[in-house]
Amino acid sequence: ARFGDALTAMDGVVKKLVCVLAAPIA
């Protein structure tokens, strides 16, 4: 979750999806 939050806040990185899934969903 902290990684996802930091990645979303990185405006210079072009991205389209940031999804976080707890174990054991996947």
mmCIF file of all heavy atoms, coordinates in Angstrom:
data_MODEL
# 
_entry.id   MODEL 
# 
loop_
_atom_site.group_PDB 
_atom_site.id 
_atom_site.type_symbol 
_atom_site.label_atom_id 
_atom_site.label_alt_id 
_atom_site.label_comp_id 
_atom_site.label_asym_id 
_atom_site.label_entity_id 
_atom_site.label_seq_id 
_atom_site.pdbx_PDB_ins_code 
_atom_site.Cartn_x 
_atom_site.Cartn_y 
_atom_site.Cartn_z 
_atom_site.occupancy 
_atom_site.B_iso_or_equiv 
_atom_site.pdbx_formal_charge 
_atom_site.auth_seq_id 
_atom_site.auth_comp_id 
_atom_site.auth_asym_id 
_atom_site.auth_atom_id 
_atom_site.pdbx_PDB_model_num 
ATOM 1   N N   . ALA A 1 1  ? 0.828  -1.212  0.000   1.00 0.00 ? 1  ALA A N   1 
ATOM 2   C CA  . ALA A 1 1  ? 0.000  0.000   0.000   1.00 0.00 ? 1  ALA A CA  1 
ATOM 3   C C   . ALA A 1 1  ? 0.860  1.259   0.000   1.00 0.00 ? 1  ALA A C   1 
ATOM 4   O O   . ALA A 1 1  ? 0.546  2.238   -0.688  1.00 0.00 ? 1  ALA A O   1 
ATOM 5   C CB  . ALA A 1 1  ? -0.941 -0.016  1.200   1.00 0.00 ? 1  ALA A CB  1 
ATOM 6   N N   . ARG A 1 2  ? 1.943  1.252   0.781   1.00 0.00 ? 2  ARG A N   1 
ATOM 7   C CA  . ARG A 1 2  ? 2.827  2.429   0.813   1.00 0.00 ? 2  ARG A CA  1 
ATOM 8   C C   . ARG A 1 2  ? 3.545  2.605   -0.531  1.00 0.00 ? 2  ARG A C   1 
ATOM 9   O O   . ARG A 1 2  ? 3.735  3.734   -1.001  1.00 0.00 ? 2  ARG A O   1 
ATOM 10  C CB  . ARG A 1 2  ? 3.817  2.315   1.968   1.00 0.00 ? 2  ARG A CB  1 
ATOM 11  C CG  . ARG A 1 2  ? 3.183  2.613   3.332   1.00 0.00 ? 2  ARG A CG  1 
ATOM 12  C CD  . ARG A 1 2  ? 4.220  2.653   4.431   1.00 0.00 ? 2  ARG A CD  1 
ATOM 13  N NE  . ARG A 1 2  ? 4.658  1.310   4.792   1.00 0.00 ? 2  ARG A NE  1 
ATOM 14  C CZ  . ARG A 1 2  ? 4.118  0.582   5.775   1.00 0.00 ? 2  ARG A CZ  1 
ATOM 15  N NH1 . ARG A 1 2  ? 3.102  1.074   6.482   1.00 0.00 ? 2  ARG A NH1 1 
ATOM 16  N NH2 . ARG A 1 2  ? 4.571  -0.618  6.051   1.00 0.00 ? 2  ARG A NH2 1 
ATOM 17  N N   . PHE A 1 3  ? 3.938  1.480   -1.154  1.00 0.00 ? 3  PHE A N   1 
ATOM 18  C CA  . PHE A 1 3  ? 4.534  1.571   -2.487  1.00 0.00 ? 3  PHE A CA  1 
ATOM 19  C C   . PHE A 1 3  ? 3.526  2.146   -3.484  1.00 0.00 ? 3  PHE A C   1 
ATOM 20  O O   . PHE A 1 3  ? 3.850  3.042   -4.276  1.00 0.00 ? 3  PHE A O   1 
ATOM 21  C CB  . PHE A 1 3  ? 5.002  0.191   -2.956  1.00 0.00 ? 3  PHE A CB  1 
ATOM 22  C CG  . PHE A 1 3  ? 5.455  0.157   -4.390  1.00 0.00 ? 3  PHE A CG  1 
ATOM 23  C CD1 . PHE A 1 3  ? 6.767  0.457   -4.724  1.00 0.00 ? 3  PHE A CD1 1 
ATOM 24  C CD2 . PHE A 1 3  ? 4.563  -0.155  -5.418  1.00 0.00 ? 3  PHE A CD2 1 
ATOM 25  C CE1 . PHE A 1 3  ? 7.184  0.442   -6.053  1.00 0.00 ? 3  PHE A CE1 1 
ATOM 26  C CE2 . PHE A 1 3  ? 4.969  -0.174  -6.733  1.00 0.00 ? 3  PHE A CE2 1 
ATOM 27  C CZ  . PHE A 1 3  ? 6.285  0.129   -7.059  1.00 0.00 ? 3  PHE A CZ  1 
ATOM 28  N N   . GLY A 1 4  ? 2.306  1.631   -3.460  1.00 0.00 ? 4  GLY A N   1 
ATOM 29  C CA  . GLY A 1 4  ? 1.286  2.115   -4.372  1.00 0.00 ? 4  GLY A CA  1 
ATOM 30  C C   . GLY A 1 4  ? 1.012  3.597   -4.194  1.00 0.00 ? 4  GLY A C   1 
ATOM 31  O O   . GLY A 1 4  ? 0.850  4.342   -5.174  1.00 0.00 ? 4  GLY A O   1 
ATOM 32  N N   . ASP A 1 5  ? 0.998  4.046   -2.956  1.00 0.00 ? 5  ASP A N   1 
ATOM 33  C CA  . ASP A 1 5  ? 0.769  5.454   -2.668  1.00 0.00 ? 5  ASP A CA  1 
ATOM 34  C C   . ASP A 1 5  ? 1.903  6.310   -3.236  1.00 0.00 ? 5  ASP A C   1 
ATOM 35  O O   . ASP A 1 5  ? 1.663  7.339   -3.884  1.00 0.00 ? 5  ASP A O   1 
ATOM 36  C CB  . ASP A 1 5  ? 0.669  5.641   -1.152  1.00 0.00 ? 5  ASP A CB  1 
ATOM 37  C CG  . ASP A 1 5  ? 0.117  6.983   -0.764  1.00 0.00 ? 5  ASP A CG  1 
ATOM 38  O OD1 . ASP A 1 5  ? -1.072 7.247   -1.035  1.00 0.00 ? 5  ASP A OD1 1 
ATOM 39  O OD2 . ASP A 1 5  ? 0.870  7.785   -0.166  1.00 0.00 ? 5  ASP A OD2 1 
ATOM 40  N N   . ALA A 1 6  ? 3.143  5.871   -3.033  1.00 0.00 ? 6  ALA A N   1 
ATOM 41  C CA  . ALA A 1 6  ? 4.296  6.628   -3.505  1.00 0.00 ? 6  ALA A CA  1 
ATOM 42  C C   . ALA A 1 6  ? 4.364  6.634   -5.030  1.00 0.00 ? 6  ALA A C   1 
ATOM 43  O O   . ALA A 1 6  ? 4.680  7.662   -5.649  1.00 0.00 ? 6  ALA A O   1 
ATOM 44  C CB  . ALA A 1 6  ? 5.576  6.041   -2.923  1.00 0.00 ? 6  ALA A CB  1 
ATOM 45  N N   . LEU A 1 7  ? 4.056  5.497   -5.664  1.00 0.00 ? 7  LEU A N   1 
ATOM 46  C CA  . LEU A 1 7  ? 4.084  5.432   -7.120  1.00 0.00 ? 7  LEU A CA  1 
ATOM 47  C C   . LEU A 1 7  ? 3.024  6.362   -7.725  1.00 0.00 ? 7  LEU A C   1 
ATOM 48  O O   . LEU A 1 7  ? 3.292  7.088   -8.685  1.00 0.00 ? 7  LEU A O   1 
ATOM 49  C CB  . LEU A 1 7  ? 3.854  3.998   -7.588  1.00 0.00 ? 7  LEU A CB  1 
ATOM 50  C CG  . LEU A 1 7  ? 3.711  3.783   -9.102  1.00 0.00 ? 7  LEU A CG  1 
ATOM 51  C CD1 . LEU A 1 7  ? 4.916  4.308   -9.856  1.00 0.00 ? 7  LEU A CD1 1 
ATOM 52  C CD2 . LEU A 1 7  ? 3.481  2.300   -9.406  1.00 0.00 ? 7  LEU A CD2 1 
ATOM 53  N N   . THR A 1 8  ? 1.833  6.363   -7.157  1.00 0.00 ? 8  THR A N   1 
ATOM 54  C CA  . THR A 1 8  ? 0.772  7.225   -7.681  1.00 0.00 ? 8  THR A CA  1 
ATOM 55  C C   . THR A 1 8  ? 1.161  8.694   -7.569  1.00 0.00 ? 8  THR A C   1 
ATOM 56  O O   . THR A 1 8  ? 0.816  9.506   -8.437  1.00 0.00 ? 8  THR A O   1 
ATOM 57  C CB  . THR A 1 8  ? -0.542 6.960   -6.927  1.00 0.00 ? 8  THR A CB  1 
ATOM 58  O OG1 . THR A 1 8  ? -0.845 5.554   -6.979  1.00 0.00 ? 8  THR A OG1 1 
ATOM 59  C CG2 . THR A 1 8  ? -1.704 7.737   -7.537  1.00 0.00 ? 8  THR A CG2 1 
ATOM 60  N N   . ALA A 1 9  ? 1.883  9.040   -6.509  1.00 0.00 ? 9  ALA A N   1 
ATOM 61  C CA  . ALA A 1 9  ? 2.287  10.431  -6.296  1.00 0.00 ? 9  ALA A CA  1 
ATOM 62  C C   . ALA A 1 9  ? 3.448  10.865  -7.183  1.00 0.00 ? 9  ALA A C   1 
ATOM 63  O O   . ALA A 1 9  ? 3.767  12.062  -7.237  1.00 0.00 ? 9  ALA A O   1 
ATOM 64  C CB  . ALA A 1 9  ? 2.658  10.640  -4.827  1.00 0.00 ? 9  ALA A CB  1 
ATOM 65  N N   . MET A 1 10 ? 4.092  9.936   -7.885  1.00 0.00 ? 10 MET A N   1 
ATOM 66  C CA  . MET A 1 10 ? 5.226  10.282  -8.750  1.00 0.00 ? 10 MET A CA  1 
ATOM 67  C C   . MET A 1 10 ? 4.706  10.812  -10.074 1.00 0.00 ? 10 MET A C   1 
ATOM 68  O O   . MET A 1 10 ? 4.491  10.071  -11.039 1.00 0.00 ? 10 MET A O   1 
ATOM 69  C CB  . MET A 1 10 ? 6.125  9.051   -8.958  1.00 0.00 ? 10 MET A CB  1 
ATOM 70  C CG  . MET A 1 10 ? 6.823  8.588   -7.691  1.00 0.00 ? 10 MET A CG  1 
ATOM 71  S SD  . MET A 1 10 ? 7.778  7.046   -7.904  1.00 0.00 ? 10 MET A SD  1 
ATOM 72  C CE  . MET A 1 10 ? 9.112  7.626   -8.951  1.00 0.00 ? 10 MET A CE  1 
ATOM 73  N N   . ASP A 1 11 ? 4.479  12.112  -10.128 1.00 0.00 ? 11 ASP A N   1 
ATOM 74  C CA  . ASP A 1 11 ? 3.855  12.708  -11.307 1.00 0.00 ? 11 ASP A CA  1 
ATOM 75  C C   . ASP A 1 11 ? 4.701  12.552  -12.570 1.00 0.00 ? 11 ASP A C   1 
ATOM 76  O O   . ASP A 1 11 ? 4.161  12.578  -13.690 1.00 0.00 ? 11 ASP A O   1 
ATOM 77  C CB  . ASP A 1 11 ? 3.588  14.192  -11.056 1.00 0.00 ? 11 ASP A CB  1 
ATOM 78  C CG  . ASP A 1 11 ? 2.520  14.420  -10.012 1.00 0.00 ? 11 ASP A CG  1 
ATOM 79  O OD1 . ASP A 1 11 ? 1.685  13.514  -9.826  1.00 0.00 ? 11 ASP A OD1 1 
ATOM 80  O OD2 . ASP A 1 11 ? 2.513  15.478  -9.372  1.00 0.00 ? 11 ASP A OD2 1 
ATOM 81  N N   . GLY A 1 12 ? 5.999  12.403  -12.422 1.00 0.00 ? 12 GLY A N   1 
ATOM 82  C CA  . GLY A 1 12 ? 6.859  12.279  -13.593 1.00 0.00 ? 12 GLY A CA  1 
ATOM 83  C C   . GLY A 1 12 ? 6.833  10.919  -14.237 1.00 0.00 ? 12 GLY A C   1 
ATOM 84  O O   . GLY A 1 12 ? 7.336  10.757  -15.350 1.00 0.00 ? 12 GLY A O   1 
ATOM 85  N N   . VAL A 1 13 ? 6.254  9.909   -13.563 1.00 0.00 ? 13 VAL A N   1 
ATOM 86  C CA  . VAL A 1 13 ? 6.185  8.553   -14.103 1.00 0.00 ? 13 VAL A CA  1 
ATOM 87  C C   . VAL A 1 13 ? 4.832  8.361   -14.771 1.00 0.00 ? 13 VAL A C   1 
ATOM 88  O O   . VAL A 1 13 ? 3.781  8.515   -14.143 1.00 0.00 ? 13 VAL A O   1 
ATOM 89  C CB  . VAL A 1 13 ? 6.388  7.504   -12.989 1.00 0.00 ? 13 VAL A CB  1 
ATOM 90  C CG1 . VAL A 1 13 ? 6.149  6.092   -13.521 1.00 0.00 ? 13 VAL A CG1 1 
ATOM 91  C CG2 . VAL A 1 13 ? 7.788  7.612   -12.406 1.00 0.00 ? 13 VAL A CG2 1 
ATOM 92  N N   . VAL A 1 14 ? 4.847  8.023   -16.057 1.00 0.00 ? 14 VAL A N   1 
ATOM 93  C CA  . VAL A 1 14 ? 3.607  7.842   -16.814 1.00 0.00 ? 14 VAL A CA  1 
ATOM 94  C C   . VAL A 1 14 ? 3.054  6.450   -16.504 1.00 0.00 ? 14 VAL A C   1 
ATOM 95  O O   . VAL A 1 14 ? 3.708  5.436   -16.769 1.00 0.00 ? 14 VAL A O   1 
ATOM 96  C CB  . VAL A 1 14 ? 3.858  8.022   -18.317 1.00 0.00 ? 14 VAL A CB  1 
ATOM 97  C CG1 . VAL A 1 14 ? 2.587  7.748   -19.113 1.00 0.00 ? 14 VAL A CG1 1 
ATOM 98  C CG2 . VAL A 1 14 ? 4.362  9.432   -18.594 1.00 0.00 ? 14 VAL A CG2 1 
ATOM 99  N N   . LYS A 1 15 ? 1.860  6.414   -15.955 1.00 0.00 ? 15 LYS A N   1 
ATOM 100 C CA  . LYS A 1 15 ? 1.269  5.164   -15.488 1.00 0.00 ? 15 LYS A CA  1 
ATOM 101 C C   . LYS A 1 15 ? -0.237 5.178   -15.727 1.00 0.00 ? 15 LYS A C   1 
ATOM 102 O O   . LYS A 1 15 ? -0.848 6.231   -15.878 1.00 0.00 ? 15 LYS A O   1 
ATOM 103 C CB  . LYS A 1 15 ? 1.547  4.968   -13.993 1.00 0.00 ? 15 LYS A CB  1 
ATOM 104 C CG  . LYS A 1 15 ? 1.129  6.151   -13.145 1.00 0.00 ? 15 LYS A CG  1 
ATOM 105 C CD  . LYS A 1 15 ? 1.767  6.109   -11.769 1.00 0.00 ? 15 LYS A CD  1 
ATOM 106 C CE  . LYS A 1 15 ? 1.579  7.417   -11.018 1.00 0.00 ? 15 LYS A CE  1 
ATOM 107 N NZ  . LYS A 1 15 ? 2.319  8.550   -11.662 1.00 0.00 ? 15 LYS A NZ  1 
ATOM 108 N N   . LYS A 1 16 ? -0.828 4.000   -15.728 1.00 0.00 ? 16 LYS A N   1 
ATOM 109 C CA  . LYS A 1 16 ? -2.270 3.898   -15.967 1.00 0.00 ? 16 LYS A CA  1 
ATOM 110 C C   . LYS A 1 16 ? -2.976 3.037   -14.929 1.00 0.00 ? 16 LYS A C   1 
ATOM 111 O O   . LYS A 1 16 ? -4.205 3.031   -14.877 1.00 0.00 ? 16 LYS A O   1 
ATOM 112 C CB  . LYS A 1 16 ? -2.537 3.346   -17.373 1.00 0.00 ? 16 LYS A CB  1 
ATOM 113 C CG  . LYS A 1 16 ? -3.954 3.625   -17.869 1.00 0.00 ? 16 LYS A CG  1 
ATOM 114 C CD  . LYS A 1 16 ? -4.070 3.511   -19.372 1.00 0.00 ? 16 LYS A CD  1 
ATOM 115 C CE  . LYS A 1 16 ? -5.458 3.996   -19.821 1.00 0.00 ? 16 LYS A CE  1 
ATOM 116 N NZ  . LYS A 1 16 ? -5.579 4.017   -21.286 1.00 0.00 ? 16 LYS A NZ  1 
ATOM 117 N N   . LEU A 1 17 ? -2.229 2.328   -14.106 1.00 0.00 ? 17 LEU A N   1 
ATOM 118 C CA  . LEU A 1 17 ? -2.849 1.429   -13.133 1.00 0.00 ? 17 LEU A CA  1 
ATOM 119 C C   . LEU A 1 17 ? -1.927 1.250   -11.949 1.00 0.00 ? 17 LEU A C   1 
ATOM 120 O O   . LEU A 1 17 ? -0.732 1.004   -12.123 1.00 0.00 ? 17 LEU A O   1 
ATOM 121 C CB  . LEU A 1 17 ? -3.118 0.066   -13.788 1.00 0.00 ? 17 LEU A CB  1 
ATOM 122 C CG  . LEU A 1 17 ? -3.631 -1.052  -12.877 1.00 0.00 ? 17 LEU A CG  1 
ATOM 123 C CD1 . LEU A 1 17 ? -5.070 -0.765  -12.433 1.00 0.00 ? 17 LEU A CD1 1 
ATOM 124 C CD2 . LEU A 1 17 ? -3.577 -2.398  -13.603 1.00 0.00 ? 17 LEU A CD2 1 
ATOM 125 N N   . VAL A 1 18 ? -2.502 1.364   -10.741 1.00 0.00 ? 18 VAL A N   1 
ATOM 126 C CA  . VAL A 1 18 ? -1.797 1.012   -9.499  1.00 0.00 ? 18 VAL A CA  1 
ATOM 127 C C   . VAL A 1 18 ? -2.815 0.308   -8.613  1.00 0.00 ? 18 VAL A C   1 
ATOM 128 O O   . VAL A 1 18 ? -3.670 0.936   -7.997  1.00 0.00 ? 18 VAL A O   1 
ATOM 129 C CB  . VAL A 1 18 ? -1.210 2.238   -8.780  1.00 0.00 ? 18 VAL A CB  1 
ATOM 130 C CG1 . VAL A 1 18 ? -0.450 1.785   -7.532  1.00 0.00 ? 18 VAL A CG1 1 
ATOM 131 C CG2 . VAL A 1 18 ? -0.292 3.039   -9.698  1.00 0.00 ? 18 VAL A CG2 1 
ATOM 132 N N   . CYS A 1 19 ? -2.732 -1.007  -8.569  1.00 0.00 ? 19 CYS A N   1 
ATOM 133 C CA  . CYS A 1 19 ? -3.683 -1.850  -7.846  1.00 0.00 ? 19 CYS A CA  1 
ATOM 134 C C   . CYS A 1 19 ? -2.939 -2.636  -6.779  1.00 0.00 ? 19 CYS A C   1 
ATOM 135 O O   . CYS A 1 19 ? -1.859 -3.183  -7.041  1.00 0.00 ? 19 CYS A O   1 
ATOM 136 C CB  . CYS A 1 19 ? -4.367 -2.806  -8.819  1.00 0.00 ? 19 CYS A CB  1 
ATOM 137 S SG  . CYS A 1 19 ? -5.315 -4.136  -8.052  1.00 0.00 ? 19 CYS A SG  1 
ATOM 138 N N   . VAL A 1 20 ? -3.501 -2.709  -5.569  1.00 0.00 ? 20 VAL A N   1 
ATOM 139 C CA  . VAL A 1 20 ? -2.902 -3.438  -4.447  1.00 0.00 ? 20 VAL A CA  1 
ATOM 140 C C   . VAL A 1 20 ? -3.851 -4.543  -4.013  1.00 0.00 ? 20 VAL A C   1 
ATOM 141 O O   . VAL A 1 20 ? -5.048 -4.302  -3.796  1.00 0.00 ? 20 VAL A O   1 
ATOM 142 C CB  . VAL A 1 20 ? -2.617 -2.495  -3.263  1.00 0.00 ? 20 VAL A CB  1 
ATOM 143 C CG1 . VAL A 1 20 ? -2.138 -3.287  -2.050  1.00 0.00 ? 20 VAL A CG1 1 
ATOM 144 C CG2 . VAL A 1 20 ? -1.594 -1.445  -3.656  1.00 0.00 ? 20 VAL A CG2 1 
ATOM 145 N N   . LEU A 1 21 ? -3.310 -5.749  -3.875  1.00 0.00 ? 21 LEU A N   1 
ATOM 146 C CA  . LEU A 1 21 ? -4.103 -6.910  -3.482  1.00 0.00 ? 21 LEU A CA  1 
ATOM 147 C C   . LEU A 1 21 ? -3.444 -7.608  -2.304  1.00 0.00 ? 21 LEU A C   1 
ATOM 148 O O   . LEU A 1 21 ? -2.289 -8.028  -2.382  1.00 0.00 ? 21 LEU A O   1 
ATOM 149 C CB  . LEU A 1 21 ? -4.215 -7.893  -4.645  1.00 0.00 ? 21 LEU A CB  1 
ATOM 150 C CG  . LEU A 1 21 ? -4.852 -7.348  -5.926  1.00 0.00 ? 21 LEU A CG  1 
ATOM 151 C CD1 . LEU A 1 21 ? -4.582 -8.279  -7.086  1.00 0.00 ? 21 LEU A CD1 1 
ATOM 152 C CD2 . LEU A 1 21 ? -6.337 -7.138  -5.728  1.00 0.00 ? 21 LEU A CD2 1 
ATOM 153 N N   . ALA A 1 22 ? -4.190 -7.738  -1.219  1.00 0.00 ? 22 ALA A N   1 
ATOM 154 C CA  . ALA A 1 22 ? -3.678 -8.464  -0.059  1.00 0.00 ? 22 ALA A CA  1 
ATOM 155 C C   . ALA A 1 22 ? -3.576 -9.951  -0.370  1.00 0.00 ? 22 ALA A C   1 
ATOM 156 O O   . ALA A 1 22 ? -4.329 -10.484 -1.199  1.00 0.00 ? 22 ALA A O   1 
ATOM 157 C CB  . ALA A 1 22 ? -4.611 -8.250  1.136   1.00 0.00 ? 22 ALA A CB  1 
ATOM 158 N N   . ALA A 1 23 ? -2.636 -10.624 0.311   1.00 0.00 ? 23 ALA A N   1 
ATOM 159 C CA  . ALA A 1 23 ? -2.656 -12.084 0.291   1.00 0.00 ? 23 ALA A CA  1 
ATOM 160 C C   . ALA A 1 23 ? -3.912 -12.523 1.053   1.00 0.00 ? 23 ALA A C   1 
ATOM 161 O O   . ALA A 1 23 ? -4.291 -11.891 2.042   1.00 0.00 ? 23 ALA A O   1 
ATOM 162 C CB  . ALA A 1 23 ? -1.396 -12.633 0.949   1.00 0.00 ? 23 ALA A CB  1 
ATOM 163 N N   . PRO A 1 24 ? -4.601 -13.544 0.603   1.00 0.00 ? 24 PRO A N   1 
ATOM 164 C CA  . PRO A 1 24 ? -4.249 -14.471 -0.476  1.00 0.00 ? 24 PRO A CA  1 
ATOM 165 C C   . PRO A 1 24 ? -5.132 -14.298 -1.705  1.00 0.00 ? 24 PRO A C   1 
ATOM 166 O O   . PRO A 1 24 ? -5.511 -15.298 -2.328  1.00 0.00 ? 24 PRO A O   1 
ATOM 167 C CB  . PRO A 1 24 ? -4.501 -15.806 0.190   1.00 0.00 ? 24 PRO A CB  1 
ATOM 168 C CG  . PRO A 1 24 ? -5.755 -15.546 1.017   1.00 0.00 ? 24 PRO A CG  1 
ATOM 169 C CD  . PRO A 1 24 ? -5.670 -14.109 1.465   1.00 0.00 ? 24 PRO A CD  1 
ATOM 170 N N   . ILE A 1 25 ? -5.494 -13.078 -2.087  1.00 0.00 ? 25 ILE A N   1 
ATOM 171 C CA  . ILE A 1 25 ? -6.426 -12.902 -3.205  1.00 0.00 ? 25 ILE A CA  1 
ATOM 172 C C   . ILE A 1 25 ? -5.868 -13.521 -4.480  1.00 0.00 ? 25 ILE A C   1 
ATOM 173 O O   . ILE A 1 25 ? -6.509 -14.378 -5.109  1.00 0.00 ? 25 ILE A O   1 
ATOM 174 C CB  . ILE A 1 25 ? -6.749 -11.406 -3.414  1.00 0.00 ? 25 ILE A CB  1 
ATOM 175 C CG1 . ILE A 1 25 ? -7.543 -10.857 -2.225  1.00 0.00 ? 25 ILE A CG1 1 
ATOM 176 C CG2 . ILE A 1 25 ? -7.528 -11.214 -4.709  1.00 0.00 ? 25 ILE A CG2 1 
ATOM 177 C CD1 . ILE A 1 25 ? -7.808 -9.362  -2.294  1.00 0.00 ? 25 ILE A CD1 1 
ATOM 178 N N   . ALA A 1 26 ? -4.668 -13.096 -4.894  1.00 0.00 ? 26 ALA A N   1 
ATOM 179 C CA  . ALA A 1 26 ? -4.100 -13.632 -6.128  1.00 0.00 ? 26 ALA A CA  1 
ATOM 180 C C   . ALA A 1 26 ? -3.820 -15.126 -6.001  1.00 0.00 ? 26 ALA A C   1 
ATOM 181 O O   . ALA A 1 26 ? -4.051 -15.907 -6.927  1.00 0.00 ? 26 ALA A O   1 
ATOM 182 C CB  . ALA A 1 26 ? -2.829 -12.873 -6.486  1.00 0.00 ? 26 ALA A CB  1 
# 
